[in-house]
Amino acid sequence: MPRKIAAGNWKMNGTAASLAMLRDLAANLPDAGPDVLICPPAPLLFRAVDAAAGTSILIGAQDCHAAASGAYTGDISAAQIADTGATYVILGHSERREGHNERNRDVRAKIEAAWAAGLAAILCLGESLEDREADNTLDIIAGQLAGSLPNGATPENTVIAYEPIWAIGTGKVPTLAQIVDVHDFLRAELTDRLGATTADDISLLYGGSVKPDNAALIFEARNVDGALVGGASLKVADFAPIIHALAQS
């Protein structure tokens, strides 16, 4: 069975003072609940690992460079992320694909680097509103999955997150049927490529305007094993109810 995962992407938000919420969040987690992951900005990674020490909360990064080292001013390597004690990295997020012109092959190289450093990669996939309205969603998802995911994916080193671009931070959420369509498609594509034994255990997350008031409904969707949460992961009052809803699904 896939692991249930509630992952929080803080994006470019938070300071060292914000990490106090990790202890508060840990105190509000359900017993035997899902894996809980927080991905703060890179400057906070060392402090976040320290702040989460002794709790079940995991720490991840939001991006990495494909190279192990070199003259890449402002970038961070997967090995440097692992050195902080973080164990995950988000890759292929639409804000990286669009804002930094990352192509599928760029994401693929980053995932390979993450694996080499011992990190688990959260591969993000998602369509634009134009693609959704043109009924191209599954074609876009298929192309991103085929081009971005290297050979060698396992339930231990890979998580897939479906994040429709038009739902990120907009308050718009796909219907349950639309979420199921994509997640069922992802499971089938992974099965064709990796075999059922491996594919059935890879966690598939939904992301895009997940909030306390819609989380339980989203987690009813078949093949939804958790969520990649943006703004609602910044406050315990918002993120804890989402985690509890996942635990009860």
C-alpha atoms as a PDB file:
ATOM      1  CA  MET A   1       0.000   0.000   0.000  1.00  0.00           C
ATOM      2  CA  PRO A   2       1.234   3.527  -0.731  1.00  0.00           C
ATOM      3  CA  ARG A   3       2.271   5.661   2.216  1.00  0.00           C
ATOM      4  CA  LYS A   4      -0.098   8.466   3.106  1.00  0.00           C
ATOM      5  CA  ILE A   5       1.822  11.736   2.919  1.00  0.00           C
ATOM      6  CA  ALA A   6       0.899  15.293   3.886  1.00  0.00           C
ATOM      7  CA  ALA A   7       3.586  17.557   2.437  1.00  0.00           C
ATOM      8  CA  GLY A   8       3.794  21.289   3.008  1.00  0.00           C
ATOM      9  CA  ASN A   9       5.501  23.507   0.437  1.00  0.00           C
ATOM     10  CA  TRP A  10       6.297  26.814   2.096  1.00  0.00           C
ATOM     11  CA  LYS A  11       7.568  28.315  -1.175  1.00  0.00           C
ATOM     12  CA  MET A  12       9.329  31.661  -0.534  1.00  0.00           C
ATOM     13  CA  ASN A  13       7.706  32.179   2.844  1.00  0.00           C
ATOM     14  CA  GLY A  14       8.944  32.014   6.410  1.00  0.00           C
ATOM     15  CA  THR A  15      11.912  32.990   8.540  1.00  0.00           C
ATOM     16  CA  ALA A  16      13.709  31.267  11.377  1.00  0.00           C
ATOM     17  CA  ALA A  17      10.943  32.404  13.722  1.00  0.00           C
ATOM     18  CA  SER A  18       8.401  30.551  11.588  1.00  0.00           C
ATOM     19  CA  LEU A  19       9.969  27.211  12.513  1.00  0.00           C
ATOM     20  CA  ALA A  20       8.401  27.375  15.962  1.00  0.00           C
ATOM     21  CA  MET A  21       5.254  26.042  14.270  1.00  0.00           C
ATOM     22  CA  LEU A  22       6.943  22.665  13.765  1.00  0.00           C
ATOM     23  CA  ARG A  23       6.767  21.871  17.481  1.00  0.00           C
ATOM     24  CA  ASP A  24       3.177  23.067  17.636  1.00  0.00           C
ATOM     25  CA  LEU A  25       2.324  20.978  14.585  1.00  0.00           C
ATOM     26  CA  ALA A  26       3.984  17.902  16.066  1.00  0.00           C
ATOM     27  CA  ALA A  27       1.861  18.309  19.177  1.00  0.00           C
ATOM     28  CA  ASN A  28      -1.285  18.310  17.044  1.00  0.00           C
ATOM     29  CA  LEU A  29      -0.597  15.257  14.883  1.00  0.00           C
ATOM     30  CA  PRO A  30      -2.888  12.219  15.008  1.00  0.00           C
ATOM     31  CA  ASP A  31      -1.636   8.949  16.436  1.00  0.00           C
ATOM     32  CA  ALA A  32      -0.518   6.567  13.680  1.00  0.00           C
ATOM     33  CA  GLY A  33      -1.161   9.285  11.134  1.00  0.00           C
ATOM     34  CA  PRO A  34       0.377   9.937   7.701  1.00  0.00           C
ATOM     35  CA  ASP A  35       3.950  10.939   7.034  1.00  0.00           C
ATOM     36  CA  VAL A  36       4.198  14.709   7.506  1.00  0.00           C
ATOM     37  CA  LEU A  37       6.742  16.657   5.492  1.00  0.00           C
ATOM     38  CA  ILE A  38       7.628  20.355   5.570  1.00  0.00           C
ATOM     39  CA  CYS A  39       9.620  21.931   2.724  1.00  0.00           C
ATOM     40  CA  PRO A  40      10.831  25.382   3.809  1.00  0.00           C
ATOM     41  CA  PRO A  41      13.062  27.756   1.808  1.00  0.00           C
ATOM     42  CA  ALA A  42      16.654  26.539   1.447  1.00  0.00           C
ATOM     43  CA  PRO A  43      18.198  28.940   4.030  1.00  0.00           C
ATOM     44  CA  LEU A  44      15.985  27.378   6.699  1.00  0.00           C
ATOM     45  CA  LEU A  45      16.797  23.719   6.017  1.00  0.00           C
ATOM     46  CA  PHE A  46      19.447  23.222   8.737  1.00  0.00           C
ATOM     47  CA  ARG A  47      17.319  25.022  11.315  1.00  0.00           C
ATOM     48  CA  ALA A  48      14.189  23.149  10.240  1.00  0.00           C
ATOM     49  CA  VAL A  49      15.895  19.799  10.722  1.00  0.00           C
ATOM     50  CA  ASP A  50      16.971  20.907  14.200  1.00  0.00           C
ATOM     51  CA  ALA A  51      13.499  22.218  15.001  1.00  0.00           C
ATOM     52  CA  ALA A  52      11.902  18.939  13.955  1.00  0.00           C
ATOM     53  CA  ALA A  53      14.380  16.765  15.853  1.00  0.00           C
ATOM     54  CA  GLY A  54      12.638  14.332  18.179  1.00  0.00           C
ATOM     55  CA  THR A  55       9.351  14.615  16.269  1.00  0.00           C
ATOM     56  CA  SER A  56       7.994  12.564  13.386  1.00  0.00           C
ATOM     57  CA  ILE A  57       8.039  15.558  11.028  1.00  0.00           C
ATOM     58  CA  LEU A  58      10.255  15.159   7.965  1.00  0.00           C
ATOM     59  CA  ILE A  59      12.044  18.001   6.201  1.00  0.00           C
ATOM     60  CA  GLY A  60      12.510  18.498   2.471  1.00  0.00           C
ATOM     61  CA  ALA A  61      13.756  21.100   0.014  1.00  0.00           C
ATOM     62  CA  GLN A  62      11.927  22.833  -2.825  1.00  0.00           C
ATOM     63  CA  ASP A  63      14.440  22.334  -5.640  1.00  0.00           C
ATOM     64  CA  CYS A  64      17.997  21.234  -6.397  1.00  0.00           C
ATOM     65  CA  HIS A  65      20.528  21.580  -9.183  1.00  0.00           C
ATOM     66  CA  ALA A  66      21.271  18.615 -11.430  1.00  0.00           C
ATOM     67  CA  ALA A  67      25.035  18.930 -10.908  1.00  0.00           C
ATOM     68  CA  ALA A  68      26.763  17.610  -7.812  1.00  0.00           C
ATOM     69  CA  SER A  69      28.861  20.797  -7.496  1.00  0.00           C
ATOM     70  CA  GLY A  70      30.293  23.577  -9.604  1.00  0.00           C
ATOM     71  CA  ALA A  71      30.039  27.199 -10.703  1.00  0.00           C
ATOM     72  CA  TYR A  72      26.288  27.625 -10.275  1.00  0.00           C
ATOM     73  CA  THR A  73      25.883  30.762  -8.213  1.00  0.00           C
ATOM     74  CA  GLY A  74      22.758  30.762  -6.091  1.00  0.00           C
ATOM     75  CA  ASP A  75      21.932  27.098  -6.682  1.00  0.00           C
ATOM     76  CA  ILE A  76      21.951  24.213  -4.217  1.00  0.00           C
ATOM     77  CA  SER A  77      22.960  20.629  -4.930  1.00  0.00           C
ATOM     78  CA  ALA A  78      21.134  17.512  -3.828  1.00  0.00           C
ATOM     79  CA  ALA A  79      24.154  16.490  -1.755  1.00  0.00           C
ATOM     80  CA  GLN A  80      24.053  19.832   0.076  1.00  0.00           C
ATOM     81  CA  ILE A  81      20.372  19.276   0.814  1.00  0.00           C
ATOM     82  CA  ALA A  82      21.079  15.798   2.156  1.00  0.00           C
ATOM     83  CA  ASP A  83      23.876  17.257   4.284  1.00  0.00           C
ATOM     84  CA  THR A  84      21.319  19.337   6.177  1.00  0.00           C
ATOM     85  CA  GLY A  85      19.470  16.175   7.208  1.00  0.00           C
ATOM     86  CA  ALA A  86      16.568  16.776   4.843  1.00  0.00           C
ATOM     87  CA  THR A  87      15.278  13.666   3.102  1.00  0.00           C
ATOM     88  CA  TYR A  88      13.003  14.908   0.293  1.00  0.00           C
ATOM     89  CA  VAL A  89      13.080  17.445  -2.513  1.00  0.00           C
ATOM     90  CA  ILE A  90      10.220  18.824  -4.624  1.00  0.00           C
ATOM     91  CA  LEU A  91      11.077  18.825  -8.330  1.00  0.00           C
ATOM     92  CA  GLY A  92       9.259  19.926 -11.459  1.00  0.00           C
ATOM     93  CA  HIS A  93       6.853  22.255  -9.697  1.00  0.00           C
ATOM     94  CA  SER A  94       4.928  24.386 -12.184  1.00  0.00           C
ATOM     95  CA  GLU A  95       6.426  27.535 -10.676  1.00  0.00           C
ATOM     96  CA  ARG A  96       9.850  26.174 -11.637  1.00  0.00           C
ATOM     97  CA  ARG A  97       8.733  24.884 -15.027  1.00  0.00           C
ATOM     98  CA  GLU A  98       7.102  28.210 -15.934  1.00  0.00           C
ATOM     99  CA  GLY A  99       9.128  30.794 -14.029  1.00  0.00           C
ATOM    100  CA  HIS A 100      12.530  29.186 -14.673  1.00  0.00           C
ATOM    101  CA  ASN A 101      11.810  27.526 -18.019  1.00  0.00           C
ATOM    102  CA  GLU A 102      12.529  24.037 -16.699  1.00  0.00           C
ATOM    103  CA  ARG A 103      11.910  21.345 -19.293  1.00  0.00           C
ATOM    104  CA  ASN A 104      11.078  17.721 -18.656  1.00  0.00           C
ATOM    105  CA  ARG A 105      14.686  16.718 -19.299  1.00  0.00           C
ATOM    106  CA  ASP A 106      15.864  19.279 -16.720  1.00  0.00           C
ATOM    107  CA  VAL A 107      13.511  17.827 -14.123  1.00  0.00           C
ATOM    108  CA  ARG A 108      14.647  14.318 -15.015  1.00  0.00           C
ATOM    109  CA  ALA A 109      18.303  15.249 -14.450  1.00  0.00           C
ATOM    110  CA  LYS A 110      17.443  16.802 -11.091  1.00  0.00           C
ATOM    111  CA  ILE A 111      15.587  13.674  -9.987  1.00  0.00           C
ATOM    112  CA  GLU A 112      18.598  11.551 -10.912  1.00  0.00           C
ATOM    113  CA  ALA A 113      20.778  13.876  -8.819  1.00  0.00           C
ATOM    114  CA  ALA A 114      18.346  13.646  -5.905  1.00  0.00           C
ATOM    115  CA  TRP A 115      18.379   9.865  -5.996  1.00  0.00           C
ATOM    116  CA  ALA A 116      22.175   9.804  -6.174  1.00  0.00           C
ATOM    117  CA  ALA A 117      22.277  11.905  -2.996  1.00  0.00           C
ATOM    118  CA  GLY A 118      19.842   9.594  -1.198  1.00  0.00           C
ATOM    119  CA  LEU A 119      16.889  11.965  -1.382  1.00  0.00           C
ATOM    120  CA  ALA A 120      13.321  11.027  -2.301  1.00  0.00           C
ATOM    121  CA  ALA A 121      11.921  13.156  -5.114  1.00  0.00           C
ATOM    122  CA  ILE A 122       8.414  14.577  -5.244  1.00  0.00           C
ATOM    123  CA  LEU A 123       7.755  14.919  -8.965  1.00  0.00           C
ATOM    124  CA  CYS A 124       5.117  17.546  -9.761  1.00  0.00           C
ATOM    125  CA  LEU A 125       2.914  17.302 -12.845  1.00  0.00           C
ATOM    126  CA  GLY A 126       0.026  19.483 -13.961  1.00  0.00           C
ATOM    127  CA  GLU A 127      -1.815  21.112 -16.817  1.00  0.00           C
ATOM    128  CA  SER A 128      -2.678  24.728 -17.544  1.00  0.00           C
ATOM    129  CA  LEU A 129      -6.234  26.028 -17.692  1.00  0.00           C
ATOM    130  CA  GLU A 130      -5.953  26.195 -21.485  1.00  0.00           C
ATOM    131  CA  ASP A 131      -4.972  22.539 -21.650  1.00  0.00           C
ATOM    132  CA  ARG A 132      -7.792  21.581 -19.301  1.00  0.00           C
ATOM    133  CA  GLU A 133     -10.358  23.461 -21.355  1.00  0.00           C
ATOM    134  CA  ALA A 134      -8.987  21.910 -24.574  1.00  0.00           C
ATOM    135  CA  ASP A 135      -9.327  18.429 -23.024  1.00  0.00           C
ATOM    136  CA  ASN A 136      -5.559  17.894 -23.264  1.00  0.00           C
ATOM    137  CA  THR A 137      -4.966  17.136 -19.592  1.00  0.00           C
ATOM    138  CA  LEU A 138      -4.033  13.473 -19.875  1.00  0.00           C
ATOM    139  CA  ASP A 139      -1.775  14.110 -22.869  1.00  0.00           C
ATOM    140  CA  ILE A 140       0.090  16.781 -20.910  1.00  0.00           C
ATOM    141  CA  ILE A 141       0.380  14.565 -17.837  1.00  0.00           C
ATOM    142  CA  ALA A 142       1.582  11.617 -19.916  1.00  0.00           C
ATOM    143  CA  GLY A 143       4.260  13.719 -21.580  1.00  0.00           C
ATOM    144  CA  GLN A 144       5.485  15.207 -18.316  1.00  0.00           C
ATOM    145  CA  LEU A 145       5.606  11.805 -16.619  1.00  0.00           C
ATOM    146  CA  ALA A 146       7.419  10.114 -19.500  1.00  0.00           C
ATOM    147  CA  GLY A 147       9.901  12.946 -19.918  1.00  0.00           C
ATOM    148  CA  SER A 148      10.538  13.831 -16.280  1.00  0.00           C
ATOM    149  CA  LEU A 149      10.669  10.481 -14.479  1.00  0.00           C
ATOM    150  CA  PRO A 150      13.930   8.555 -14.902  1.00  0.00           C
ATOM    151  CA  ASN A 151      14.145   4.796 -14.957  1.00  0.00           C
ATOM    152  CA  GLY A 152      14.569   3.300 -11.513  1.00  0.00           C
ATOM    153  CA  ALA A 153      11.622   4.851  -9.700  1.00  0.00           C
ATOM    154  CA  THR A 154      10.581   3.026  -6.536  1.00  0.00           C
ATOM    155  CA  PRO A 155       8.104   3.726  -3.716  1.00  0.00           C
ATOM    156  CA  GLU A 156      11.090   4.693  -1.573  1.00  0.00           C
ATOM    157  CA  ASN A 157      12.671   7.249  -3.903  1.00  0.00           C
ATOM    158  CA  THR A 158       9.657   8.703  -5.731  1.00  0.00           C
ATOM    159  CA  VAL A 159       6.386  10.444  -4.943  1.00  0.00           C
ATOM    160  CA  ILE A 160       4.168  11.862  -7.696  1.00  0.00           C
ATOM    161  CA  ALA A 161       2.142  15.029  -7.107  1.00  0.00           C
ATOM    162  CA  TYR A 162      -0.631  16.093  -9.467  1.00  0.00           C
ATOM    163  CA  GLU A 163      -1.014  19.863  -9.264  1.00  0.00           C
ATOM    164  CA  PRO A 164      -3.216  21.447 -11.922  1.00  0.00           C
ATOM    165  CA  ILE A 165      -1.621  24.819 -12.559  1.00  0.00           C
ATOM    166  CA  TRP A 166      -4.970  26.584 -12.656  1.00  0.00           C
ATOM    167  CA  ALA A 167      -5.782  25.410  -9.123  1.00  0.00           C
ATOM    168  CA  ILE A 168      -2.558  26.454  -7.397  1.00  0.00           C
ATOM    169  CA  GLY A 169      -3.265  29.344  -5.049  1.00  0.00           C
ATOM    170  CA  THR A 170      -6.456  30.276  -6.877  1.00  0.00           C
ATOM    171  CA  GLY A 171      -9.059  28.674  -4.653  1.00  0.00           C
ATOM    172  CA  LYS A 172     -10.281  26.672  -7.651  1.00  0.00           C
ATOM    173  CA  VAL A 173     -10.345  22.910  -7.173  1.00  0.00           C
ATOM    174  CA  PRO A 174     -11.019  20.223  -9.798  1.00  0.00           C
ATOM    175  CA  THR A 175     -14.082  18.092  -9.307  1.00  0.00           C
ATOM    176  CA  LEU A 176     -13.603  14.791  -7.558  1.00  0.00           C
ATOM    177  CA  ALA A 177     -14.144  13.043 -10.890  1.00  0.00           C
ATOM    178  CA  GLN A 178     -11.399  15.122 -12.521  1.00  0.00           C
ATOM    179  CA  ILE A 179      -8.961  14.299  -9.729  1.00  0.00           C
ATOM    180  CA  VAL A 180      -9.820  10.603  -9.949  1.00  0.00           C
ATOM    181  CA  ASP A 181      -9.353  10.602 -13.730  1.00  0.00           C
ATOM    182  CA  VAL A 182      -5.815  11.939 -13.453  1.00  0.00           C
ATOM    183  CA  HIS A 183      -4.792   9.814 -10.485  1.00  0.00           C
ATOM    184  CA  ASP A 184      -6.175   6.640 -12.059  1.00  0.00           C
ATOM    185  CA  PHE A 185      -4.315   7.551 -15.247  1.00  0.00           C
ATOM    186  CA  LEU A 186      -1.078   8.083 -13.324  1.00  0.00           C
ATOM    187  CA  ARG A 187      -1.400   4.726 -11.586  1.00  0.00           C
ATOM    188  CA  ALA A 188      -2.031   3.012 -14.930  1.00  0.00           C
ATOM    189  CA  GLU A 189       0.928   4.751 -16.594  1.00  0.00           C
ATOM    190  CA  LEU A 190       3.218   3.800 -13.707  1.00  0.00           C
ATOM    191  CA  THR A 191       1.955   0.231 -13.869  1.00  0.00           C
ATOM    192  CA  ASP A 192       2.715  -0.011 -17.578  1.00  0.00           C
ATOM    193  CA  ARG A 193       6.202   1.317 -17.016  1.00  0.00           C
ATOM    194  CA  LEU A 194       7.222  -0.141 -13.660  1.00  0.00           C
ATOM    195  CA  GLY A 195       4.923  -3.112 -13.137  1.00  0.00           C
ATOM    196  CA  ALA A 196       2.037  -3.351 -10.690  1.00  0.00           C
ATOM    197  CA  THR A 197       4.138  -4.425  -7.706  1.00  0.00           C
ATOM    198  CA  THR A 198       6.135  -1.185  -7.771  1.00  0.00           C
ATOM    199  CA  ALA A 199       3.472   1.157  -9.141  1.00  0.00           C
ATOM    200  CA  ASP A 200       0.828   0.186  -6.606  1.00  0.00           C
ATOM    201  CA  ASP A 201       3.063   1.356  -3.757  1.00  0.00           C
ATOM    202  CA  ILE A 202       4.106   4.751  -5.143  1.00  0.00           C
ATOM    203  CA  SER A 203       2.292   7.542  -3.320  1.00  0.00           C
ATOM    204  CA  LEU A 204       0.203   9.862  -5.497  1.00  0.00           C
ATOM    205  CA  LEU A 205      -0.509  13.275  -3.994  1.00  0.00           C
ATOM    206  CA  TYR A 206      -2.983  15.944  -5.053  1.00  0.00           C
ATOM    207  CA  GLY A 207      -2.040  19.615  -4.790  1.00  0.00           C
ATOM    208  CA  GLY A 208      -3.844  22.844  -5.610  1.00  0.00           C
ATOM    209  CA  SER A 209      -5.894  24.908  -3.143  1.00  0.00           C
ATOM    210  CA  VAL A 210      -6.128  22.099  -0.575  1.00  0.00           C
ATOM    211  CA  LYS A 211      -7.698  23.529   2.579  1.00  0.00           C
ATOM    212  CA  PRO A 212      -9.271  22.242   5.790  1.00  0.00           C
ATOM    213  CA  ASP A 213     -12.781  22.575   4.361  1.00  0.00           C
ATOM    214  CA  ASN A 214     -12.155  20.510   1.217  1.00  0.00           C
ATOM    215  CA  ALA A 215      -9.464  18.046   2.301  1.00  0.00           C
ATOM    216  CA  ALA A 216     -11.783  15.251   3.439  1.00  0.00           C
ATOM    217  CA  LEU A 217     -13.616  15.282   0.105  1.00  0.00           C
ATOM    218  CA  ILE A 218     -10.368  15.254  -1.877  1.00  0.00           C
ATOM    219  CA  PHE A 219      -9.056  12.319   0.139  1.00  0.00           C
ATOM    220  CA  GLU A 220     -12.137  10.326  -0.798  1.00  0.00           C
ATOM    221  CA  ALA A 221     -10.831  10.190  -4.351  1.00  0.00           C
ATOM    222  CA  ARG A 222      -9.469   6.856  -5.508  1.00  0.00           C
ATOM    223  CA  ASN A 223      -5.661   6.726  -5.802  1.00  0.00           C
ATOM    224  CA  VAL A 224      -5.188   9.928  -3.808  1.00  0.00           C
ATOM    225  CA  ASP A 225      -2.646   9.047  -1.111  1.00  0.00           C
ATOM    226  CA  GLY A 226      -2.128  12.516   0.305  1.00  0.00           C
ATOM    227  CA  ALA A 227      -1.601  16.145  -0.542  1.00  0.00           C
ATOM    228  CA  LEU A 228       1.064  18.655  -1.469  1.00  0.00           C
ATOM    229  CA  VAL A 229      -0.165  21.750   0.325  1.00  0.00           C
ATOM    230  CA  GLY A 230       0.957  25.331  -0.257  1.00  0.00           C
ATOM    231  CA  GLY A 231      -0.336  28.269   1.767  1.00  0.00           C
ATOM    232  CA  ALA A 232      -2.370  26.140   4.167  1.00  0.00           C
ATOM    233  CA  SER A 233       0.830  24.442   5.386  1.00  0.00           C
ATOM    234  CA  LEU A 234       2.146  27.665   6.915  1.00  0.00           C
ATOM    235  CA  LYS A 235      -0.194  27.615   9.915  1.00  0.00           C
ATOM    236  CA  VAL A 236      -0.927  24.777  12.312  1.00  0.00           C
ATOM    237  CA  ALA A 237      -4.593  25.798  12.420  1.00  0.00           C
ATOM    238  CA  ASP A 238      -4.838  25.124   8.680  1.00  0.00           C
ATOM    239  CA  PHE A 239      -2.429  22.245   8.149  1.00  0.00           C
ATOM    240  CA  ALA A 240      -3.330  20.063  11.153  1.00  0.00           C
ATOM    241  CA  PRO A 241      -6.978  19.563  10.060  1.00  0.00           C
ATOM    242  CA  ILE A 242      -5.754  18.508   6.609  1.00  0.00           C
ATOM    243  CA  ILE A 243      -3.443  15.953   8.187  1.00  0.00           C
ATOM    244  CA  HIS A 244      -6.235  14.635  10.391  1.00  0.00           C
ATOM    245  CA  ALA A 245      -8.552  14.353   7.376  1.00  0.00           C
ATOM    246  CA  LEU A 246      -5.892  12.296   5.588  1.00  0.00           C
ATOM    247  CA  ALA A 247      -5.413  10.060   8.622  1.00  0.00           C
ATOM    248  CA  GLN A 248      -9.149   9.335   8.651  1.00  0.00           C
ATOM    249  CA  SER A 249      -9.403   8.614   4.922  1.00  0.00           C
END
